């Protein structure tokens, strides 16, 4: 879709899963993010539009982020909803700090 890098995680589908299935999903999701961040091959997020929630997370774990010009939104839905941001994201964000 034009103007969307990713719509994030499919919350409607996640709500249909059992607690065990949700645990399996998030272990796989965070495992993938760890593999991306530790890969010897650089990863780049070519952000061509809106990037809420899961798209923001994906871009944080990439080595490079390139964003298209436009009135696009990026961010964590948790912040707007008053929910806690997972601690792993704070650690991941520290990788982005410029020396």
PDB file of N, CA and C in Angstrom:
ATOM      1  N   UNK A   1       0.845  -1.186   0.000  1.00  0.00           N
ATOM      2  CA  UNK A   1       0.000   0.000   0.000  1.00  0.00           C
ATOM      3  C   UNK A   1       0.884   1.241   0.000  1.00  0.00           C
ATOM      4  N   UNK A   2       0.500   2.216  -0.779  1.00  0.00           N
ATOM      5  CA  UNK A   2       1.229   3.475  -0.800  1.00  0.00           C
ATOM      6  C   UNK A   2       1.110   4.169   0.547  1.00  0.00           C
ATOM      7  N   UNK A   3       2.229   4.728   0.993  1.00  0.00           N
ATOM      8  CA  UNK A   3       2.219   5.512   2.222  1.00  0.00           C
ATOM      9  C   UNK A   3       2.267   4.716   3.503  1.00  0.00           C
ATOM     10  N   UNK A   4       2.496   3.399   3.419  1.00  0.00           N
ATOM     11  CA  UNK A   4       2.571   2.578   4.632  1.00  0.00           C
ATOM     12  C   UNK A   4       3.793   1.678   4.540  1.00  0.00           C
ATOM     13  N   UNK A   5       4.700   1.835   5.507  1.00  0.00           N
ATOM     14  CA  UNK A   5       5.847   0.923   5.611  1.00  0.00           C
ATOM     15  C   UNK A   5       5.351  -0.402   6.174  1.00  0.00           C
ATOM     16  N   UNK A   6       4.628  -0.337   7.269  1.00  0.00           N
ATOM     17  CA  UNK A   6       3.987  -1.502   7.870  1.00  0.00           C
ATOM     18  C   UNK A   6       2.868  -1.020   8.778  1.00  0.00           C
ATOM     19  N   UNK A   7       1.843  -1.807   8.883  1.00  0.00           N
ATOM     20  CA  UNK A   7       0.732  -1.455   9.770  1.00  0.00           C
ATOM     21  C   UNK A   7       0.974  -1.948  11.192  1.00  0.00           C
ATOM     22  N   UNK A   8       2.100  -2.591  11.426  1.00  0.00           N
ATOM     23  CA  UNK A   8       2.386  -3.111  12.762  1.00  0.00           C
ATOM     24  C   UNK A   8       1.856  -4.525  12.923  1.00  0.00           C
ATOM     25  N   UNK A   9       1.760  -4.944  14.161  1.00  0.00           N
ATOM     26  CA  UNK A   9       1.272  -6.291  14.451  1.00  0.00           C
ATOM     27  C   UNK A   9      -0.235  -6.355  14.236  1.00  0.00           C
ATOM     28  N   UNK A  10      -0.735  -7.519  13.904  1.00  0.00           N
ATOM     29  CA  UNK A  10      -2.167  -7.725  13.691  1.00  0.00           C
ATOM     30  C   UNK A  10      -2.816  -8.025  15.041  1.00  0.00           C
ATOM     31  N   UNK A  11      -3.210  -6.967  15.727  1.00  0.00           N
ATOM     32  CA  UNK A  11      -3.754  -7.098  17.080  1.00  0.00           C
ATOM     33  C   UNK A  11      -5.032  -7.927  17.086  1.00  0.00           C
ATOM     34  N   UNK A  12      -5.887  -7.769  16.074  1.00  0.00           N
ATOM     35  CA  UNK A  12      -7.136  -8.546  16.023  1.00  0.00           C
ATOM     36  C   UNK A  12      -6.841 -10.043  16.032  1.00  0.00           C
ATOM     37  N   UNK A  13      -5.832 -10.452  15.269  1.00  0.00           N
ATOM     38  CA  UNK A  13      -5.457 -11.869  15.249  1.00  0.00           C
ATOM     39  C   UNK A  13      -4.837 -12.284  16.575  1.00  0.00           C
ATOM     40  N   UNK A  14      -3.976 -11.440  17.133  1.00  0.00           N
ATOM     41  CA  UNK A  14      -3.352 -11.771  18.423  1.00  0.00           C
ATOM     42  C   UNK A  14      -4.400 -12.001  19.505  1.00  0.00           C
ATOM     43  N   UNK A  15      -5.495 -11.243  19.460  1.00  0.00           N
ATOM     44  CA  UNK A  15      -6.546 -11.385  20.472  1.00  0.00           C
ATOM     45  C   UNK A  15      -7.297 -12.710  20.366  1.00  0.00           C
ATOM     46  N   UNK A  16      -7.178 -13.395  19.234  1.00  0.00           N
ATOM     47  CA  UNK A  16      -7.854 -14.689  19.075  1.00  0.00           C
ATOM     48  C   UNK A  16      -6.990 -15.852  19.566  1.00  0.00           C
ATOM     49  N   UNK A  17      -5.720 -15.574  19.893  1.00  0.00           N
ATOM     50  CA  UNK A  17      -4.794 -16.635  20.290  1.00  0.00           C
ATOM     51  C   UNK A  17      -4.900 -16.953  21.773  1.00  0.00           C
ATOM     52  N   UNK A  18      -4.523 -18.168  22.108  1.00  0.00           N
ATOM     53  CA  UNK A  18      -4.442 -18.551  23.521  1.00  0.00           C
ATOM     54  C   UNK A  18      -3.197 -17.907  24.124  1.00  0.00           C
ATOM     55  N   UNK A  19      -3.099 -17.919  25.432  1.00  0.00           N
ATOM     56  CA  UNK A  19      -1.926 -17.352  26.109  1.00  0.00           C
ATOM     57  C   UNK A  19      -0.648 -18.052  25.645  1.00  0.00           C
ATOM     58  N   UNK A  20      -0.704 -19.378  25.500  1.00  0.00           N
ATOM     59  CA  UNK A  20       0.472 -20.126  25.031  1.00  0.00           C
ATOM     60  C   UNK A  20       0.857 -19.720  23.611  1.00  0.00           C
ATOM     61  N   UNK A  21      -0.141 -19.543  22.748  1.00  0.00           N
ATOM     62  CA  UNK A  21       0.137 -19.137  21.365  1.00  0.00           C
ATOM     63  C   UNK A  21       0.729 -17.726  21.307  1.00  0.00           C
ATOM     64  N   UNK A  22       0.238 -16.851  22.175  1.00  0.00           N
ATOM     65  CA  UNK A  22       0.793 -15.495  22.242  1.00  0.00           C
ATOM     66  C   UNK A  22       2.241 -15.543  22.698  1.00  0.00           C
ATOM     67  N   UNK A  23       2.536 -16.373  23.703  1.00  0.00           N
ATOM     68  CA  UNK A  23       3.921 -16.530  24.166  1.00  0.00           C
ATOM     69  C   UNK A  23       4.818 -17.024  23.035  1.00  0.00           C
ATOM     70  N   UNK A  24       4.343 -18.011  22.283  1.00  0.00           N
ATOM     71  CA  UNK A  24       5.112 -18.551  21.153  1.00  0.00           C
ATOM     72  C   UNK A  24       5.357 -17.451  20.116  1.00  0.00           C
ATOM     73  N   UNK A  25       4.301 -16.693  19.811  1.00  0.00           N
ATOM     74  CA  UNK A  25       4.441 -15.618  18.822  1.00  0.00           C
ATOM     75  C   UNK A  25       5.493 -14.604  19.256  1.00  0.00           C
ATOM     76  N   UNK A  26       5.393 -14.108  20.497  1.00  0.00           N
ATOM     77  CA  UNK A  26       6.316 -13.059  20.927  1.00  0.00           C
ATOM     78  C   UNK A  26       7.739 -13.574  21.105  1.00  0.00           C
ATOM     79  N   UNK A  27       7.905 -14.819  21.487  1.00  0.00           N
ATOM     80  CA  UNK A  27       9.262 -15.386  21.529  1.00  0.00           C
ATOM     81  C   UNK A  27       9.860 -15.401  20.126  1.00  0.00           C
ATOM     82  N   UNK A  28       9.061 -15.770  19.139  1.00  0.00           N
ATOM     83  CA  UNK A  28       9.540 -15.775  17.750  1.00  0.00           C
ATOM     84  C   UNK A  28       9.806 -14.347  17.262  1.00  0.00           C
ATOM     85  N   UNK A  29       8.910 -13.425  17.587  1.00  0.00           N
ATOM     86  CA  UNK A  29       9.057 -12.031  17.162  1.00  0.00           C
ATOM     87  C   UNK A  29      10.328 -11.413  17.738  1.00  0.00           C
ATOM     88  N   UNK A  30      10.507 -11.535  19.057  1.00  0.00           N
ATOM     89  CA  UNK A  30      11.702 -10.951  19.686  1.00  0.00           C
ATOM     90  C   UNK A  30      12.961 -11.709  19.267  1.00  0.00           C
ATOM     91  N   UNK A  31      12.833 -13.000  19.000  1.00  0.00           N
ATOM     92  CA  UNK A  31      13.968 -13.766  18.485  1.00  0.00           C
ATOM     93  C   UNK A  31      14.408 -13.249  17.126  1.00  0.00           C
ATOM     94  N   UNK A  32      13.436 -12.928  16.268  1.00  0.00           N
ATOM     95  CA  UNK A  32      13.750 -12.360  14.957  1.00  0.00           C
ATOM     96  C   UNK A  32      14.426 -10.999  15.107  1.00  0.00           C
ATOM     97  N   UNK A  33      13.918 -10.167  16.013  1.00  0.00           N
ATOM     98  CA  UNK A  33      14.534  -8.852  16.227  1.00  0.00           C
ATOM     99  C   UNK A  33      15.979  -9.010  16.704  1.00  0.00           C
ATOM    100  N   UNK A  34      16.229  -9.989  17.577  1.00  0.00           N
ATOM    101  CA  UNK A  34      17.597 -10.242  18.061  1.00  0.00           C
ATOM    102  C   UNK A  34      18.498 -10.679  16.913  1.00  0.00           C
ATOM    103  N   UNK A  35      17.984 -11.554  16.041  1.00  0.00           N
ATOM    104  CA  UNK A  35      18.789 -12.009  14.896  1.00  0.00           C
ATOM    105  C   UNK A  35      19.121 -10.851  13.966  1.00  0.00           C
ATOM    106  N   UNK A  36      18.158  -9.977  13.736  1.00  0.00           N
ATOM    107  CA  UNK A  36      18.400  -8.812  12.878  1.00  0.00           C
ATOM    108  C   UNK A  36      19.489  -7.933  13.487  1.00  0.00           C
ATOM    109  N   UNK A  37      19.382  -7.665  14.783  1.00  0.00           N
ATOM    110  CA  UNK A  37      20.330  -6.746  15.421  1.00  0.00           C
ATOM    111  C   UNK A  37      21.732  -7.330  15.549  1.00  0.00           C
ATOM    112  N   UNK A  38      21.850  -8.658  15.559  1.00  0.00           N
ATOM    113  CA  UNK A  38      23.156  -9.306  15.720  1.00  0.00           C
ATOM    114  C   UNK A  38      23.742  -9.806  14.401  1.00  0.00           C
ATOM    115  N   UNK A  39      23.031  -9.612  13.323  1.00  0.00           N
ATOM    116  CA  UNK A  39      23.475 -10.132  12.030  1.00  0.00           C
ATOM    117  C   UNK A  39      24.765  -9.452  11.566  1.00  0.00           C
ATOM    118  N   UNK A  40      25.695 -10.228  11.007  1.00  0.00           N
ATOM    119  CA  UNK A  40      26.898  -9.613  10.438  1.00  0.00           C
ATOM    120  C   UNK A  40      26.584  -8.863   9.132  1.00  0.00           C
ATOM    121  N   UNK A  41      25.427  -9.144   8.568  1.00  0.00           N
ATOM    122  CA  UNK A  41      24.979  -8.454   7.354  1.00  0.00           C
ATOM    123  C   UNK A  41      24.099  -7.282   7.791  1.00  0.00           C
ATOM    124  N   UNK A  42      24.409  -6.058   7.381  1.00  0.00           N
ATOM    125  CA  UNK A  42      23.605  -4.908   7.800  1.00  0.00           C
ATOM    126  C   UNK A  42      22.167  -4.995   7.288  1.00  0.00           C
ATOM    127  N   UNK A  43      21.238  -4.587   8.132  1.00  0.00           N
ATOM    128  CA  UNK A  43      19.825  -4.508   7.768  1.00  0.00           C
ATOM    129  C   UNK A  43      19.436  -3.042   7.668  1.00  0.00           C
ATOM    130  N   UNK A  44      18.621  -2.716   6.672  1.00  0.00           N
ATOM    131  CA  UNK A  44      18.120  -1.352   6.504  1.00  0.00           C
ATOM    132  C   UNK A  44      16.602  -1.384   6.423  1.00  0.00           C
ATOM    133  N   UNK A  45      15.973  -0.426   7.066  1.00  0.00           N
ATOM    134  CA  UNK A  45      14.529  -0.251   6.963  1.00  0.00           C
ATOM    135  C   UNK A  45      14.284   0.904   5.999  1.00  0.00           C
ATOM    136  N   UNK A  46      13.734   0.606   4.829  1.00  0.00           N
ATOM    137  CA  UNK A  46      13.388   1.633   3.839  1.00  0.00           C
ATOM    138  C   UNK A  46      11.938   2.025   4.091  1.00  0.00           C
ATOM    139  N   UNK A  47      11.767   3.013   4.934  1.00  0.00           N
ATOM    140  CA  UNK A  47      10.447   3.384   5.436  1.00  0.00           C
ATOM    141  C   UNK A  47       9.770   4.329   4.447  1.00  0.00           C
ATOM    142  N   UNK A  48       8.806   3.780   3.714  1.00  0.00           N
ATOM    143  CA  UNK A  48       8.147   4.516   2.640  1.00  0.00           C
ATOM    144  C   UNK A  48       6.787   5.068   3.047  1.00  0.00           C
ATOM    145  N   UNK A  49       6.535   5.126   4.332  1.00  0.00           N
ATOM    146  CA  UNK A  49       5.254   5.641   4.796  1.00  0.00           C
ATOM    147  C   UNK A  49       5.085   5.433   6.286  1.00  0.00           C
ATOM    148  N   UNK A  50       3.839   5.417   6.718  1.00  0.00           N
ATOM    149  CA  UNK A  50       3.523   5.268   8.142  1.00  0.00           C
ATOM    150  C   UNK A  50       4.176   4.005   8.706  1.00  0.00           C
ATOM    151  N   UNK A  51       4.606   4.113   9.957  1.00  0.00           N
ATOM    152  CA  UNK A  51       5.301   2.991  10.595  1.00  0.00           C
ATOM    153  C   UNK A  51       4.936   2.913  12.076  1.00  0.00           C
ATOM    154  N   UNK A  52       3.689   2.549  12.383  1.00  0.00           N
ATOM    155  CA  UNK A  52       3.309   2.456  13.788  1.00  0.00           C
ATOM    156  C   UNK A  52       3.755   1.139  14.419  1.00  0.00           C
ATOM    157  N   UNK A  53       3.884   1.170  15.725  1.00  0.00           N
ATOM    158  CA  UNK A  53       4.055  -0.024  16.555  1.00  0.00           C
ATOM    159  C   UNK A  53       5.119  -0.995  16.057  1.00  0.00           C
ATOM    160  N   UNK A  54       4.704  -2.139  15.530  1.00  0.00           N
ATOM    161  CA  UNK A  54       5.646  -3.170  15.090  1.00  0.00           C
ATOM    162  C   UNK A  54       6.610  -2.677  14.023  1.00  0.00           C
ATOM    163  N   UNK A  55       6.176  -1.748  13.187  1.00  0.00           N
ATOM    164  CA  UNK A  55       7.067  -1.169  12.186  1.00  0.00           C
ATOM    165  C   UNK A  55       8.148  -0.314  12.821  1.00  0.00           C
ATOM    166  N   UNK A  56       7.777   0.403  13.869  1.00  0.00           N
ATOM    167  CA  UNK A  56       8.760   1.181  14.621  1.00  0.00           C
ATOM    168  C   UNK A  56       9.765   0.249  15.273  1.00  0.00           C
ATOM    169  N   UNK A  57       9.269  -0.823  15.881  1.00  0.00           N
ATOM    170  CA  UNK A  57      10.153  -1.803  16.524  1.00  0.00           C
ATOM    171  C   UNK A  57      11.129  -2.375  15.497  1.00  0.00           C
ATOM    172  N   UNK A  58      10.621  -2.798  14.356  1.00  0.00           N
ATOM    173  CA  UNK A  58      11.480  -3.353  13.309  1.00  0.00           C
ATOM    174  C   UNK A  58      12.569  -2.354  12.919  1.00  0.00           C
ATOM    175  N   UNK A  59      12.193  -1.098  12.723  1.00  0.00           N
ATOM    176  CA  UNK A  59      13.184  -0.100  12.307  1.00  0.00           C
ATOM    177  C   UNK A  59      14.235   0.141  13.388  1.00  0.00           C
ATOM    178  N   UNK A  60      13.856   0.067  14.645  1.00  0.00           N
ATOM    179  CA  UNK A  60      14.806   0.260  15.748  1.00  0.00           C
ATOM    180  C   UNK A  60      15.878  -0.826  15.732  1.00  0.00           C
ATOM    181  N   UNK A  61      15.504  -2.040  15.410  1.00  0.00           N
ATOM    182  CA  UNK A  61      16.455  -3.153  15.424  1.00  0.00           C
ATOM    183  C   UNK A  61      17.315  -3.223  14.162  1.00  0.00           C
ATOM    184  N   UNK A  62      16.949  -2.470  13.120  1.00  0.00           N
ATOM    185  CA  UNK A  62      17.779  -2.425  11.911  1.00  0.00           C
ATOM    186  C   UNK A  62      19.004  -1.546  12.150  1.00  0.00           C
ATOM    187  N   UNK A  63      20.026  -1.759  11.347  1.00  0.00           N
ATOM    188  CA  UNK A  63      21.243  -0.958  11.448  1.00  0.00           C
ATOM    189  C   UNK A  63      21.056   0.438  10.862  1.00  0.00           C
ATOM    190  N   UNK A  64      20.221   0.535   9.846  1.00  0.00           N
ATOM    191  CA  UNK A  64      20.000   1.803   9.157  1.00  0.00           C
ATOM    192  C   UNK A  64      18.511   2.006   8.940  1.00  0.00           C
ATOM    193  N   UNK A  65      18.091   3.271   8.983  1.00  0.00           N
ATOM    194  CA  UNK A  65      16.713   3.638   8.730  1.00  0.00           C
ATOM    195  C   UNK A  65      16.711   4.766   7.709  1.00  0.00           C
ATOM    196  N   UNK A  66      15.978   4.574   6.634  1.00  0.00           N
ATOM    197  CA  UNK A  66      15.854   5.594   5.596  1.00  0.00           C
ATOM    198  C   UNK A  66      14.360   5.871   5.460  1.00  0.00           C
ATOM    199  N   UNK A  67      13.977   7.139   5.603  1.00  0.00           N
ATOM    200  CA  UNK A  67      12.554   7.476   5.579  1.00  0.00           C
ATOM    201  C   UNK A  67      12.230   8.360   4.381  1.00  0.00           C
ATOM    202  N   UNK A  68      11.112   8.063   3.741  1.00  0.00           N
ATOM    203  CA  UNK A  68      10.626   8.878   2.633  1.00  0.00           C
ATOM    204  C   UNK A  68      10.084  10.195   3.177  1.00  0.00           C
ATOM    205  N   UNK A  69      10.165  11.235   2.355  1.00  0.00           N
ATOM    206  CA  UNK A  69       9.570  12.513   2.736  1.00  0.00           C
ATOM    207  C   UNK A  69       8.058  12.376   2.695  1.00  0.00           C
ATOM    208  N   UNK A  70       7.418  13.021   3.633  1.00  0.00           N
ATOM    209  CA  UNK A  70       5.968  12.997   3.668  1.00  0.00           C
ATOM    210  C   UNK A  70       5.467  13.199   5.080  1.00  0.00           C
ATOM    211  N   UNK A  71       4.191  13.379   5.205  1.00  0.00           N
ATOM    212  CA  UNK A  71       3.563  13.586   6.511  1.00  0.00           C
ATOM    213  C   UNK A  71       3.208  12.225   7.106  1.00  0.00           C
ATOM    214  N   UNK A  72       4.249  11.458   7.419  1.00  0.00           N
ATOM    215  CA  UNK A  72       4.061  10.100   7.917  1.00  0.00           C
ATOM    216  C   UNK A  72       4.278  10.052   9.418  1.00  0.00           C
ATOM    217  N   UNK A  73       3.651   9.101  10.063  1.00  0.00           N
ATOM    218  CA  UNK A  73       3.763   8.922  11.512  1.00  0.00           C
ATOM    219  C   UNK A  73       4.607   7.690  11.810  1.00  0.00           C
ATOM    220  N   UNK A  74       5.420   7.816  12.858  1.00  0.00           N
ATOM    221  CA  UNK A  74       6.197   6.695  13.374  1.00  0.00           C
ATOM    222  C   UNK A  74       6.091   6.766  14.889  1.00  0.00           C
ATOM    223  N   UNK A  75       5.972   5.629  15.539  1.00  0.00           N
ATOM    224  CA  UNK A  75       5.902   5.658  16.995  1.00  0.00           C
ATOM    225  C   UNK A  75       5.302   4.401  17.578  1.00  0.00           C
ATOM    226  N   UNK A  76       5.352   4.374  18.883  1.00  0.00           N
ATOM    227  CA  UNK A  76       4.848   3.233  19.641  1.00  0.00           C
ATOM    228  C   UNK A  76       3.426   3.519  20.116  1.00  0.00           C
ATOM    229  N   UNK A  77       2.487   2.687  19.729  1.00  0.00           N
ATOM    230  CA  UNK A  77       1.099   2.859  20.164  1.00  0.00           C
ATOM    231  C   UNK A  77       0.979   2.794  21.677  1.00  0.00           C
ATOM    232  N   UNK A  78       1.865   2.045  22.322  1.00  0.00           N
ATOM    233  CA  UNK A  78       1.822   1.919  23.778  1.00  0.00           C
ATOM    234  C   UNK A  78       1.887   3.286  24.445  1.00  0.00           C
ATOM    235  N   UNK A  79       2.706   4.165  23.908  1.00  0.00           N
ATOM    236  CA  UNK A  79       2.878   5.496  24.491  1.00  0.00           C
ATOM    237  C   UNK A  79       1.552   6.251  24.470  1.00  0.00           C
ATOM    238  N   UNK A  80       0.855   6.221  23.348  1.00  0.00           N
ATOM    239  CA  UNK A  80      -0.415   6.933  23.216  1.00  0.00           C
ATOM    240  C   UNK A  80      -1.515   6.315  24.075  1.00  0.00           C
ATOM    241  N   UNK A  81      -1.408   5.009  24.327  1.00  0.00           N
ATOM    242  CA  UNK A  81      -2.420   4.308  25.121  1.00  0.00           C
ATOM    243  C   UNK A  81      -2.082   4.281  26.608  1.00  0.00           C
ATOM    244  N   UNK A  82      -0.913   4.809  26.977  1.00  0.00           N
ATOM    245  CA  UNK A  82      -0.511   4.816  28.380  1.00  0.00           C
ATOM    246  C   UNK A  82      -0.042   3.463  28.878  1.00  0.00           C
ATOM    247  N   UNK A  83       0.384   2.591  27.972  1.00  0.00           N
ATOM    248  CA  UNK A  83       0.872   1.262  28.350  1.00  0.00           C
ATOM    249  C   UNK A  83       2.393   1.287  28.459  1.00  0.00           C
ATOM    250  N   UNK A  84       2.961   0.391  29.255  1.00  0.00           N
ATOM    251  CA  UNK A  84       4.425   0.367  29.364  1.00  0.00           C
ATOM    252  C   UNK A  84       5.074  -0.121  28.070  1.00  0.00           C
ATOM    253  N   UNK A  85       6.197   0.490  27.748  1.00  0.00           N
ATOM    254  CA  UNK A  85       6.997   0.061  26.596  1.00  0.00           C
ATOM    255  C   UNK A  85       7.900  -1.068  27.078  1.00  0.00           C
ATOM    256  N   UNK A  86       7.996  -2.185  26.352  1.00  0.00           N
ATOM    257  CA  UNK A  86       8.847  -3.304  26.786  1.00  0.00           C
ATOM    258  C   UNK A  86      10.294  -2.863  27.012  1.00  0.00           C
ATOM    259  N   UNK A  87      10.897  -3.347  28.098  1.00  0.00           N
ATOM    260  CA  UNK A  87      12.272  -2.973  28.458  1.00  0.00           C
ATOM    261  C   UNK A  87      13.265  -3.265  27.336  1.00  0.00           C
ATOM    262  N   UNK A  88      13.025  -4.316  26.571  1.00  0.00           N
ATOM    263  CA  UNK A  88      13.951  -4.659  25.490  1.00  0.00           C
ATOM    264  C   UNK A  88      14.083  -3.501  24.493  1.00  0.00           C
ATOM    265  N   UNK A  89      13.034  -2.693  24.363  1.00  0.00           N
ATOM    266  CA  UNK A  89      13.103  -1.561  23.438  1.00  0.00           C
ATOM    267  C   UNK A  89      14.015  -0.458  23.962  1.00  0.00           C
ATOM    268  N   UNK A  90      14.052  -0.272  25.271  1.00  0.00           N
ATOM    269  CA  UNK A  90      14.973   0.724  25.828  1.00  0.00           C
ATOM    270  C   UNK A  90      16.413   0.325  25.527  1.00  0.00           C
ATOM    271  N   UNK A  91      16.698  -0.956  25.676  1.00  0.00           N
ATOM    272  CA  UNK A  91      18.045  -1.451  25.373  1.00  0.00           C
ATOM    273  C   UNK A  91      18.344  -1.276  23.881  1.00  0.00           C
ATOM    274  N   UNK A  92      17.374  -1.604  23.040  1.00  0.00           N
ATOM    275  CA  UNK A  92      17.565  -1.467  21.594  1.00  0.00           C
ATOM    276  C   UNK A  92      17.767  -0.001  21.210  1.00  0.00           C
ATOM    277  N   UNK A  93      17.027   0.886  21.840  1.00  0.00           N
ATOM    278  CA  UNK A  93      17.172   2.310  21.536  1.00  0.00           C
ATOM    279  C   UNK A  93      18.556   2.828  21.894  1.00  0.00           C
ATOM    280  N   UNK A  94      19.170   2.243  22.915  1.00  0.00           N
ATOM    281  CA  UNK A  94      20.509   2.690  23.310  1.00  0.00           C
ATOM    282  C   UNK A  94      21.533   2.414  22.203  1.00  0.00           C
ATOM    283  N   UNK A  95      21.251   1.450  21.317  1.00  0.00           N
ATOM    284  CA  UNK A  95      22.130   1.177  20.171  1.00  0.00           C
ATOM    285  C   UNK A  95      22.138   2.344  19.186  1.00  0.00           C
ATOM    286  N   UNK A  96      21.082   3.129  19.185  1.00  0.00           N
ATOM    287  CA  UNK A  96      20.934   4.199  18.206  1.00  0.00           C
ATOM    288  C   UNK A  96      21.635   5.483  18.625  1.00  0.00           C
ATOM    289  N   UNK A  97      22.090   5.524  19.838  1.00  0.00           N
ATOM    290  CA  UNK A  97      22.732   6.724  20.376  1.00  0.00           C
ATOM    291  C   UNK A  97      23.983   7.054  19.566  1.00  0.00           C
ATOM    292  N   UNK A  98      24.101   8.297  19.192  1.00  0.00           N
ATOM    293  CA  UNK A  98      25.294   8.727  18.442  1.00  0.00           C
ATOM    294  C   UNK A  98      26.385   9.108  19.429  1.00  0.00           C
ATOM    295  N   UNK A  99      27.587   8.653  19.140  1.00  0.00           N
ATOM    296  CA  UNK A  99      28.738   8.971  20.010  1.00  0.00           C
ATOM    297  C   UNK A  99      29.303  10.320  19.637  1.00  0.00           C
TER     298      UNK A  99
END
